[in-house]
Amino acid sequence: MTRFIWDKFSKDFLETLLSPYGTVVVSKEVTSEIKEIDVYFSPNISEIPSQLGLLGRLCQNPCLLEPYRNPITLDSLNDCLSKRFAIREIFQREAK
């Protein structure tokens, strides 16, 4: 669920920017406890255009994107890491 205008803008912006190059899932739920990944991106082309700069390099592989308006806190960083580990666990289960 998007609560703030910045959240909506950043999710919509990343979805619009990245959708020509792969699959974008906005507000992907993580089942360990009800958590939501802001943007999950999975590329469907072999190379993302260099015009995207660092974002393009990050998106060469499937990735989670959590844009922040203000500097990230330690708690927010830990929350991002827990989402990353939860999604990794889901993919490992699916691979078996």
PDB file of N, CA and C in Angstrom:
ATOM      1  N   MET A   1       0.848  -1.165   0.000  1.00  0.00           N
ATOM      2  CA  MET A   1       0.000   0.000   0.000  1.00  0.00           C
ATOM      3  C   MET A   1       0.898   1.234   0.000  1.00  0.00           C
ATOM      4  N   THR A   2       0.596   2.186  -0.865  1.00  0.00           N
ATOM      5  CA  THR A   2       1.362   3.418  -0.951  1.00  0.00           C
ATOM      6  C   THR A   2       0.680   4.479  -0.101  1.00  0.00           C
ATOM      7  N   ARG A   3       1.422   5.016   0.871  1.00  0.00           N
ATOM      8  CA  ARG A   3       0.828   5.981   1.781  1.00  0.00           C
ATOM      9  C   ARG A   3       1.195   7.419   1.459  1.00  0.00           C
ATOM     10  N   PHE A   4       2.311   7.627   0.830  1.00  0.00           N
ATOM     11  CA  PHE A   4       2.789   8.982   0.622  1.00  0.00           C
ATOM     12  C   PHE A   4       2.970   9.261  -0.860  1.00  0.00           C
ATOM     13  N   ILE A   5       2.804  10.535  -1.230  1.00  0.00           N
ATOM     14  CA  ILE A   5       2.917  10.927  -2.632  1.00  0.00           C
ATOM     15  C   ILE A   5       4.296  10.584  -3.188  1.00  0.00           C
ATOM     16  N   TRP A   6       5.361  10.720  -2.360  1.00  0.00           N
ATOM     17  CA  TRP A   6       6.713  10.380  -2.818  1.00  0.00           C
ATOM     18  C   TRP A   6       6.792   8.899  -3.154  1.00  0.00           C
ATOM     19  N   ASP A   7       6.193   8.051  -2.328  1.00  0.00           N
ATOM     20  CA  ASP A   7       6.176   6.608  -2.591  1.00  0.00           C
ATOM     21  C   ASP A   7       5.535   6.330  -3.944  1.00  0.00           C
ATOM     22  N   LYS A   8       4.367   6.905  -4.159  1.00  0.00           N
ATOM     23  CA  LYS A   8       3.649   6.672  -5.410  1.00  0.00           C
ATOM     24  C   LYS A   8       4.464   7.175  -6.596  1.00  0.00           C
ATOM     25  N   PHE A   9       5.008   8.374  -6.476  1.00  0.00           N
ATOM     26  CA  PHE A   9       5.800   8.932  -7.564  1.00  0.00           C
ATOM     27  C   PHE A   9       6.999   8.052  -7.884  1.00  0.00           C
ATOM     28  N   SER A  10       7.754   7.664  -6.860  1.00  0.00           N
ATOM     29  CA  SER A  10       8.977   6.893  -7.114  1.00  0.00           C
ATOM     30  C   SER A  10       8.659   5.519  -7.693  1.00  0.00           C
ATOM     31  N   LYS A  11       7.604   4.875  -7.207  1.00  0.00           N
ATOM     32  CA  LYS A  11       7.220   3.573  -7.749  1.00  0.00           C
ATOM     33  C   LYS A  11       6.757   3.700  -9.199  1.00  0.00           C
ATOM     34  N   ASP A  12       5.913   4.692  -9.467  1.00  0.00           N
ATOM     35  CA  ASP A  12       5.435   4.905 -10.839  1.00  0.00           C
ATOM     36  C   ASP A  12       6.581   5.261 -11.777  1.00  0.00           C
ATOM     37  N   PHE A  13       7.500   6.103 -11.301  1.00  0.00           N
ATOM     38  CA  PHE A  13       8.638   6.519 -12.114  1.00  0.00           C
ATOM     39  C   PHE A  13       9.515   5.325 -12.472  1.00  0.00           C
ATOM     40  N   LEU A  14       9.858   4.506 -11.472  1.00  0.00           N
ATOM     41  CA  LEU A  14      10.700   3.338 -11.732  1.00  0.00           C
ATOM     42  C   LEU A  14       9.989   2.338 -12.634  1.00  0.00           C
ATOM     43  N   GLU A  15       8.695   2.163 -12.442  1.00  0.00           N
ATOM     44  CA  GLU A  15       7.943   1.243 -13.297  1.00  0.00           C
ATOM     45  C   GLU A  15       7.961   1.729 -14.749  1.00  0.00           C
ATOM     46  N   THR A  16       7.714   3.011 -14.960  1.00  0.00           N
ATOM     47  CA  THR A  16       7.708   3.572 -16.312  1.00  0.00           C
ATOM     48  C   THR A  16       9.087   3.498 -16.950  1.00  0.00           C
ATOM     49  N   LEU A  17      10.109   3.818 -16.174  1.00  0.00           N
ATOM     50  CA  LEU A  17      11.474   3.838 -16.688  1.00  0.00           C
ATOM     51  C   LEU A  17      11.982   2.445 -17.033  1.00  0.00           C
ATOM     52  N   LEU A  18      11.664   1.449 -16.202  1.00  0.00           N
ATOM     53  CA  LEU A  18      12.245   0.114 -16.358  1.00  0.00           C
ATOM     54  C   LEU A  18      11.383  -0.863 -17.155  1.00  0.00           C
ATOM     55  N   SER A  19      10.090  -0.611 -17.308  1.00  0.00           N
ATOM     56  CA  SER A  19       9.213  -1.594 -17.956  1.00  0.00           C
ATOM     57  C   SER A  19       9.595  -1.933 -19.398  1.00  0.00           C
ATOM     58  N   PRO A  20      10.197  -1.034 -20.190  1.00  0.00           N
ATOM     59  CA  PRO A  20      10.601  -1.460 -21.531  1.00  0.00           C
ATOM     60  C   PRO A  20      11.723  -2.502 -21.530  1.00  0.00           C
ATOM     61  N   TYR A  21      12.402  -2.653 -20.399  1.00  0.00           N
ATOM     62  CA  TYR A  21      13.582  -3.517 -20.353  1.00  0.00           C
ATOM     63  C   TYR A  21      13.376  -4.793 -19.546  1.00  0.00           C
ATOM     64  N   GLY A  22      12.231  -4.941 -18.910  1.00  0.00           N
ATOM     65  CA  GLY A  22      12.015  -6.140 -18.107  1.00  0.00           C
ATOM     66  C   GLY A  22      10.678  -6.089 -17.395  1.00  0.00           C
ATOM     67  N   THR A  23      10.480  -7.042 -16.507  1.00  0.00           N
ATOM     68  CA  THR A  23       9.248  -7.144 -15.747  1.00  0.00           C
ATOM     69  C   THR A  23       9.384  -6.348 -14.463  1.00  0.00           C
ATOM     70  N   VAL A  24       8.442  -5.476 -14.207  1.00  0.00           N
ATOM     71  CA  VAL A  24       8.446  -4.646 -13.007  1.00  0.00           C
ATOM     72  C   VAL A  24       7.222  -5.014 -12.184  1.00  0.00           C
ATOM     73  N   VAL A  25       7.421  -5.351 -10.923  1.00  0.00           N
ATOM     74  CA  VAL A  25       6.314  -5.628 -10.019  1.00  0.00           C
ATOM     75  C   VAL A  25       6.371  -4.574  -8.921  1.00  0.00           C
ATOM     76  N   VAL A  26       5.353  -3.732  -8.868  1.00  0.00           N
ATOM     77  CA  VAL A  26       5.290  -2.681  -7.862  1.00  0.00           C
ATOM     78  C   VAL A  26       4.529  -3.220  -6.658  1.00  0.00           C
ATOM     79  N   SER A  27       5.011  -2.922  -5.473  1.00  0.00           N
ATOM     80  CA  SER A  27       4.376  -3.324  -4.216  1.00  0.00           C
ATOM     81  C   SER A  27       4.257  -4.841  -4.095  1.00  0.00           C
ATOM     82  N   LYS A  28       5.346  -5.542  -4.342  1.00  0.00           N
ATOM     83  CA  LYS A  28       5.385  -7.004  -4.230  1.00  0.00           C
ATOM     84  C   LYS A  28       5.352  -7.389  -2.757  1.00  0.00           C
ATOM     85  N   GLU A  29       4.417  -8.243  -2.386  1.00  0.00           N
ATOM     86  CA  GLU A  29       4.296  -8.669  -0.995  1.00  0.00           C
ATOM     87  C   GLU A  29       5.295  -9.766  -0.672  1.00  0.00           C
ATOM     88  N   VAL A  30       5.804  -9.714   0.538  1.00  0.00           N
ATOM     89  CA  VAL A  30       6.706 -10.732   1.064  1.00  0.00           C
ATOM     90  C   VAL A  30       5.932 -11.449   2.155  1.00  0.00           C
ATOM     91  N   THR A  31       5.884 -12.779   2.097  1.00  0.00           N
ATOM     92  CA  THR A  31       4.970 -13.521   2.961  1.00  0.00           C
ATOM     93  C   THR A  31       5.470 -13.815   4.369  1.00  0.00           C
ATOM     94  N   SER A  32       6.742 -13.603   4.676  1.00  0.00           N
ATOM     95  CA  SER A  32       7.230 -13.936   6.011  1.00  0.00           C
ATOM     96  C   SER A  32       6.425 -13.208   7.081  1.00  0.00           C
ATOM     97  N   GLU A  33       6.179 -11.986   6.901  1.00  0.00           N
ATOM     98  CA  GLU A  33       5.185 -11.208   7.618  1.00  0.00           C
ATOM     99  C   GLU A  33       4.747 -10.214   6.570  1.00  0.00           C
ATOM    100  N   ILE A  34       3.653  -9.572   6.755  1.00  0.00           N
ATOM    101  CA  ILE A  34       3.176  -8.720   5.670  1.00  0.00           C
ATOM    102  C   ILE A  34       4.127  -7.544   5.497  1.00  0.00           C
ATOM    103  N   LYS A  35       4.960  -7.684   4.482  1.00  0.00           N
ATOM    104  CA  LYS A  35       5.896  -6.639   4.096  1.00  0.00           C
ATOM    105  C   LYS A  35       5.730  -6.441   2.610  1.00  0.00           C
ATOM    106  N   GLU A  36       6.165  -5.315   2.146  1.00  0.00           N
ATOM    107  CA  GLU A  36       6.014  -5.004   0.738  1.00  0.00           C
ATOM    108  C   GLU A  36       7.323  -4.443   0.196  1.00  0.00           C
ATOM    109  N   ILE A  37       7.740  -4.961  -0.939  1.00  0.00           N
ATOM    110  CA  ILE A  37       8.912  -4.445  -1.639  1.00  0.00           C
ATOM    111  C   ILE A  37       8.398  -3.339  -2.546  1.00  0.00           C
ATOM    112  N   ASP A  38       9.022  -2.163  -2.495  1.00  0.00           N
ATOM    113  CA  ASP A  38       8.534  -1.050  -3.312  1.00  0.00           C
ATOM    114  C   ASP A  38       8.515  -1.417  -4.787  1.00  0.00           C
ATOM    115  N   VAL A  39       9.640  -1.865  -5.326  1.00  0.00           N
ATOM    116  CA  VAL A  39       9.709  -2.242  -6.739  1.00  0.00           C
ATOM    117  C   VAL A  39      10.589  -3.477  -6.877  1.00  0.00           C
ATOM    118  N   TYR A  40      10.069  -4.507  -7.549  1.00  0.00           N
ATOM    119  CA  TYR A  40      10.862  -5.685  -7.896  1.00  0.00           C
ATOM    120  C   TYR A  40      11.033  -5.656  -9.404  1.00  0.00           C
ATOM    121  N   PHE A  41      12.270  -5.683  -9.886  1.00  0.00           N
ATOM    122  CA  PHE A  41      12.549  -5.608 -11.319  1.00  0.00           C
ATOM    123  C   PHE A  41      13.279  -6.858 -11.772  1.00  0.00           C
ATOM    124  N   SER A  42      12.802  -7.425 -12.893  1.00  0.00           N
ATOM    125  CA  SER A  42      13.440  -8.582 -13.507  1.00  0.00           C
ATOM    126  C   SER A  42      13.648  -8.271 -14.987  1.00  0.00           C
ATOM    127  N   PRO A  43      14.902  -8.147 -15.451  1.00  0.00           N
ATOM    128  CA  PRO A  43      15.145  -7.752 -16.844  1.00  0.00           C
ATOM    129  C   PRO A  43      14.696  -8.830 -17.828  1.00  0.00           C
ATOM    130  N   ASN A  44      14.197  -8.375 -18.985  1.00  0.00           N
ATOM    131  CA  ASN A  44      13.832  -9.325 -20.034  1.00  0.00           C
ATOM    132  C   ASN A  44      14.630  -9.071 -21.314  1.00  0.00           C
ATOM    133  N   ILE A  45      15.634  -8.218 -21.220  1.00  0.00           N
ATOM    134  CA  ILE A  45      16.553  -7.995 -22.335  1.00  0.00           C
ATOM    135  C   ILE A  45      17.964  -8.230 -21.826  1.00  0.00           C
ATOM    136  N   SER A  46      18.888  -8.481 -22.740  1.00  0.00           N
ATOM    137  CA  SER A  46      20.243  -8.853 -22.320  1.00  0.00           C
ATOM    138  C   SER A  46      21.039  -7.683 -21.756  1.00  0.00           C
ATOM    139  N   GLU A  47      20.747  -6.465 -22.206  1.00  0.00           N
ATOM    140  CA  GLU A  47      21.518  -5.328 -21.701  1.00  0.00           C
ATOM    141  C   GLU A  47      20.625  -4.106 -21.546  1.00  0.00           C
ATOM    142  N   ILE A  48      20.698  -3.504 -20.374  1.00  0.00           N
ATOM    143  CA  ILE A  48      19.958  -2.281 -20.084  1.00  0.00           C
ATOM    144  C   ILE A  48      20.749  -1.110 -20.676  1.00  0.00           C
ATOM    145  N   PRO A  49      20.094  -0.129 -21.297  1.00  0.00           N
ATOM    146  CA  PRO A  49      20.816   0.992 -21.909  1.00  0.00           C
ATOM    147  C   PRO A  49      21.713   1.739 -20.921  1.00  0.00           C
ATOM    148  N   SER A  50      22.882   2.143 -21.388  1.00  0.00           N
ATOM    149  CA  SER A  50      23.847   2.832 -20.526  1.00  0.00           C
ATOM    150  C   SER A  50      23.350   4.207 -20.090  1.00  0.00           C
ATOM    151  N   GLN A  51      22.344   4.762 -20.776  1.00  0.00           N
ATOM    152  CA  GLN A  51      21.801   6.061 -20.388  1.00  0.00           C
ATOM    153  C   GLN A  51      21.184   6.032 -18.992  1.00  0.00           C
ATOM    154  N   LEU A  52      20.837   4.851 -18.505  1.00  0.00           N
ATOM    155  CA  LEU A  52      20.269   4.743 -17.161  1.00  0.00           C
ATOM    156  C   LEU A  52      21.344   4.797 -16.081  1.00  0.00           C
ATOM    157  N   GLY A  53      22.603   4.803 -16.474  1.00  0.00           N
ATOM    158  CA  GLY A  53      23.699   4.969 -15.520  1.00  0.00           C
ATOM    159  C   GLY A  53      23.748   3.872 -14.473  1.00  0.00           C
ATOM    160  N   LEU A  54      23.910   4.291 -13.216  1.00  0.00           N
ATOM    161  CA  LEU A  54      24.018   3.345 -12.108  1.00  0.00           C
ATOM    162  C   LEU A  54      22.753   2.496 -11.979  1.00  0.00           C
ATOM    163  N   LEU A  55      21.585   3.107 -12.189  1.00  0.00           N
ATOM    164  CA  LEU A  55      20.336   2.339 -12.126  1.00  0.00           C
ATOM    165  C   LEU A  55      20.353   1.215 -13.153  1.00  0.00           C
ATOM    166  N   GLY A  56      20.835   1.497 -14.352  1.00  0.00           N
ATOM    167  CA  GLY A  56      20.936   0.471 -15.385  1.00  0.00           C
ATOM    168  C   GLY A  56      21.869  -0.654 -14.992  1.00  0.00           C
ATOM    169  N   ARG A  57      22.984  -0.307 -14.351  1.00  0.00           N
ATOM    170  CA  ARG A  57      23.921  -1.342 -13.897  1.00  0.00           C
ATOM    171  C   ARG A  57      23.294  -2.195 -12.802  1.00  0.00           C
ATOM    172  N   LEU A  58      22.557  -1.565 -11.887  1.00  0.00           N
ATOM    173  CA  LEU A  58      21.883  -2.322 -10.830  1.00  0.00           C
ATOM    174  C   LEU A  58      20.834  -3.266 -11.409  1.00  0.00           C
ATOM    175  N   CYS A  59      20.197  -2.847 -12.503  1.00  0.00           N
ATOM    176  CA  CYS A  59      19.087  -3.606 -13.079  1.00  0.00           C
ATOM    177  C   CYS A  59      19.526  -4.627 -14.123  1.00  0.00           C
ATOM    178  N   GLN A  60      20.805  -4.910 -14.240  1.00  0.00           N
ATOM    179  CA  GLN A  60      21.273  -5.961 -15.150  1.00  0.00           C
ATOM    180  C   GLN A  60      20.780  -7.336 -14.687  1.00  0.00           C
ATOM    181  N   ASN A  61      20.517  -7.459 -13.401  1.00  0.00           N
ATOM    182  CA  ASN A  61      20.021  -8.699 -12.797  1.00  0.00           C
ATOM    183  C   ASN A  61      18.734  -8.372 -12.049  1.00  0.00           C
ATOM    184  N   PRO A  62      17.926  -9.384 -11.724  1.00  0.00           N
ATOM    185  CA  PRO A  62      16.741  -9.104 -10.913  1.00  0.00           C
ATOM    186  C   PRO A  62      17.144  -8.373  -9.635  1.00  0.00           C
ATOM    187  N   CYS A  63      16.349  -7.383  -9.251  1.00  0.00           N
ATOM    188  CA  CYS A  63      16.710  -6.601  -8.068  1.00  0.00           C
ATOM    189  C   CYS A  63      15.478  -6.031  -7.381  1.00  0.00           C
ATOM    190  N   LEU A  64      15.668  -5.672  -6.121  1.00  0.00           N
ATOM    191  CA  LEU A  64      14.661  -4.992  -5.320  1.00  0.00           C
ATOM    192  C   LEU A  64      15.072  -3.533  -5.245  1.00  0.00           C
ATOM    193  N   LEU A  65      14.121  -2.628  -5.437  1.00  0.00           N
ATOM    194  CA  LEU A  65      14.415  -1.199  -5.368  1.00  0.00           C
ATOM    195  C   LEU A  65      13.535  -0.571  -4.295  1.00  0.00           C
ATOM    196  N   GLU A  66      14.148   0.105  -3.360  1.00  0.00           N
ATOM    197  CA  GLU A  66      13.444   0.773  -2.269  1.00  0.00           C
ATOM    198  C   GLU A  66      13.887   2.234  -2.246  1.00  0.00           C
ATOM    199  N   PRO A  67      13.235   3.099  -3.042  1.00  0.00           N
ATOM    200  CA  PRO A  67      13.644   4.504  -3.053  1.00  0.00           C
ATOM    201  C   PRO A  67      13.253   5.216  -1.757  1.00  0.00           C
ATOM    202  N   TYR A  68      14.122   6.098  -1.313  1.00  0.00           N
ATOM    203  CA  TYR A  68      13.886   6.874  -0.096  1.00  0.00           C
ATOM    204  C   TYR A  68      13.967   8.350  -0.408  1.00  0.00           C
ATOM    205  N   ARG A  69      13.095   9.113   0.200  1.00  0.00           N
ATOM    206  CA  ARG A  69      13.085  10.564   0.031  1.00  0.00           C
ATOM    207  C   ARG A  69      14.146  11.218   0.907  1.00  0.00           C
ATOM    208  N   ASN A  70      14.314  10.693   2.095  1.00  0.00           N
ATOM    209  CA  ASN A  70      15.266  11.228   3.069  1.00  0.00           C
ATOM    210  C   ASN A  70      16.371  10.213   3.306  1.00  0.00           C
ATOM    211  N   PRO A  71      17.458  10.623   3.978  1.00  0.00           N
ATOM    212  CA  PRO A  71      18.526   9.654   4.275  1.00  0.00           C
ATOM    213  C   PRO A  71      17.967   8.434   5.006  1.00  0.00           C
ATOM    214  N   ILE A  72      18.469   7.281   4.637  1.00  0.00           N
ATOM    215  CA  ILE A  72      17.985   6.027   5.214  1.00  0.00           C
ATOM    216  C   ILE A  72      18.505   5.861   6.648  1.00  0.00           C
ATOM    217  N   THR A  73      17.653   5.337   7.512  1.00  0.00           N
ATOM    218  CA  THR A  73      18.043   5.066   8.896  1.00  0.00           C
ATOM    219  C   THR A  73      18.520   3.620   9.001  1.00  0.00           C
ATOM    220  N   LEU A  74      19.156   3.310  10.100  1.00  0.00           N
ATOM    221  CA  LEU A  74      19.620   1.942  10.327  1.00  0.00           C
ATOM    222  C   LEU A  74      18.437   0.970  10.352  1.00  0.00           C
ATOM    223  N   ASP A  75      17.334   1.366  10.974  1.00  0.00           N
ATOM    224  CA  ASP A  75      16.145   0.503  11.000  1.00  0.00           C
ATOM    225  C   ASP A  75      15.604   0.255   9.591  1.00  0.00           C
ATOM    226  N   SER A  76      15.588   1.295   8.767  1.00  0.00           N
ATOM    227  CA  SER A  76      15.122   1.138   7.388  1.00  0.00           C
ATOM    228  C   SER A  76      16.049   0.228   6.597  1.00  0.00           C
ATOM    229  N   LEU A  77      17.341   0.365   6.825  1.00  0.00           N
ATOM    230  CA  LEU A  77      18.318  -0.498   6.158  1.00  0.00           C
ATOM    231  C   LEU A  77      18.099  -1.954   6.556  1.00  0.00           C
ATOM    232  N   ASN A  78      17.907  -2.200   7.840  1.00  0.00           N
ATOM    233  CA  ASN A  78      17.655  -3.563   8.311  1.00  0.00           C
ATOM    234  C   ASN A  78      16.352  -4.115   7.737  1.00  0.00           C
ATOM    235  N   ASP A  79      15.337  -3.264   7.603  1.00  0.00           N
ATOM    236  CA  ASP A  79      14.076  -3.689   7.005  1.00  0.00           C
ATOM    237  C   ASP A  79      14.280  -4.097   5.547  1.00  0.00           C
ATOM    238  N   CYS A  80      15.075  -3.320   4.811  1.00  0.00           N
ATOM    239  CA  CYS A  80      15.382  -3.660   3.413  1.00  0.00           C
ATOM    240  C   CYS A  80      16.115  -4.995   3.327  1.00  0.00           C
ATOM    241  N   LEU A  81      17.068  -5.199   4.215  1.00  0.00           N
ATOM    242  CA  LEU A  81      17.819  -6.457   4.209  1.00  0.00           C
ATOM    243  C   LEU A  81      16.913  -7.642   4.520  1.00  0.00           C
ATOM    244  N   SER A  82      15.977  -7.463   5.452  1.00  0.00           N
ATOM    245  CA  SER A  82      15.075  -8.576   5.776  1.00  0.00           C
ATOM    246  C   SER A  82      14.185  -8.914   4.578  1.00  0.00           C
ATOM    247  N   LYS A  83      13.760  -7.905   3.817  1.00  0.00           N
ATOM    248  CA  LYS A  83      12.974  -8.164   2.605  1.00  0.00           C
ATOM    249  C   LYS A  83      13.814  -8.911   1.581  1.00  0.00           C
ATOM    250  N   ARG A  84      15.067  -8.512   1.452  1.00  0.00           N
ATOM    251  CA  ARG A  84      15.981  -9.156   0.503  1.00  0.00           C
ATOM    252  C   ARG A  84      16.169 -10.625   0.848  1.00  0.00           C
ATOM    253  N   PHE A  85      16.363 -10.913   2.137  1.00  0.00           N
ATOM    254  CA  PHE A  85      16.544 -12.300   2.555  1.00  0.00           C
ATOM    255  C   PHE A  85      15.252 -13.095   2.399  1.00  0.00           C
ATOM    256  N   ALA A  86      14.110 -12.462   2.636  1.00  0.00           N
ATOM    257  CA  ALA A  86      12.824 -13.144   2.475  1.00  0.00           C
ATOM    258  C   ALA A  86      12.586 -13.514   1.013  1.00  0.00           C
ATOM    259  N   ILE A  87      12.880 -12.598   0.097  1.00  0.00           N
ATOM    260  CA  ILE A  87      12.670 -12.890  -1.330  1.00  0.00           C
ATOM    261  C   ILE A  87      13.662 -13.946  -1.807  1.00  0.00           C
ATOM    262  N   ARG A  88      14.878 -13.917  -1.279  1.00  0.00           N
ATOM    263  CA  ARG A  88      15.878 -14.944  -1.622  1.00  0.00           C
ATOM    264  C   ARG A  88      15.389 -16.323  -1.190  1.00  0.00           C
ATOM    265  N   GLU A  89      14.809 -16.387  -0.003  1.00  0.00           N
ATOM    266  CA  GLU A  89      14.273 -17.649   0.507  1.00  0.00           C
ATOM    267  C   GLU A  89      13.138 -18.156  -0.387  1.00  0.00           C
ATOM    268  N   ILE A  90      12.285 -17.259  -0.840  1.00  0.00           N
ATOM    269  CA  ILE A  90      11.187 -17.639  -1.741  1.00  0.00           C
ATOM    270  C   ILE A  90      11.742 -18.233  -3.027  1.00  0.00           C
ATOM    271  N   PHE A  91      12.747 -17.581  -3.609  1.00  0.00           N
ATOM    272  CA  PHE A  91      13.338 -18.076  -4.855  1.00  0.00           C
ATOM    273  C   PHE A  91      14.038 -19.416  -4.651  1.00  0.00           C
ATOM    274  N   GLN A  92      14.684 -19.607  -3.523  1.00  0.00           N
ATOM    275  CA  GLN A  92      15.334 -20.892  -3.251  1.00  0.00           C
ATOM    276  C   GLN A  92      14.295 -21.997  -3.139  1.00  0.00           C
ATOM    277  N   ARG A  93      13.171 -21.712  -2.490  1.00  0.00           N
ATOM    278  CA  ARG A  93      12.104 -22.707  -2.375  1.00  0.00           C
ATOM    279  C   ARG A  93      11.534 -23.052  -3.747  1.00  0.00           C
ATOM    280  N   GLU A  94      11.349 -22.034  -4.590  1.00  0.00           N
ATOM    281  CA  GLU A  94      10.807 -22.265  -5.931  1.00  0.00           C
ATOM    282  C   GLU A  94      11.770 -23.059  -6.803  1.00  0.00           C
ATOM    283  N   ALA A  95      13.061 -22.918  -6.565  1.00  0.00           N
ATOM    284  CA  ALA A  95      14.072 -23.609  -7.373  1.00  0.00           C
ATOM    285  C   ALA A  95      14.156 -25.096  -7.050  1.00  0.00           C
ATOM    286  N   LYS A  96      13.680 -25.501  -5.890  1.00  0.00           N
ATOM    287  CA  LYS A  96      13.772 -26.914  -5.485  1.00  0.00           C
ATOM    288  C   LYS A  96      12.738 -27.762  -6.154  1.00  0.00           C
TER     289      LYS A  96
END
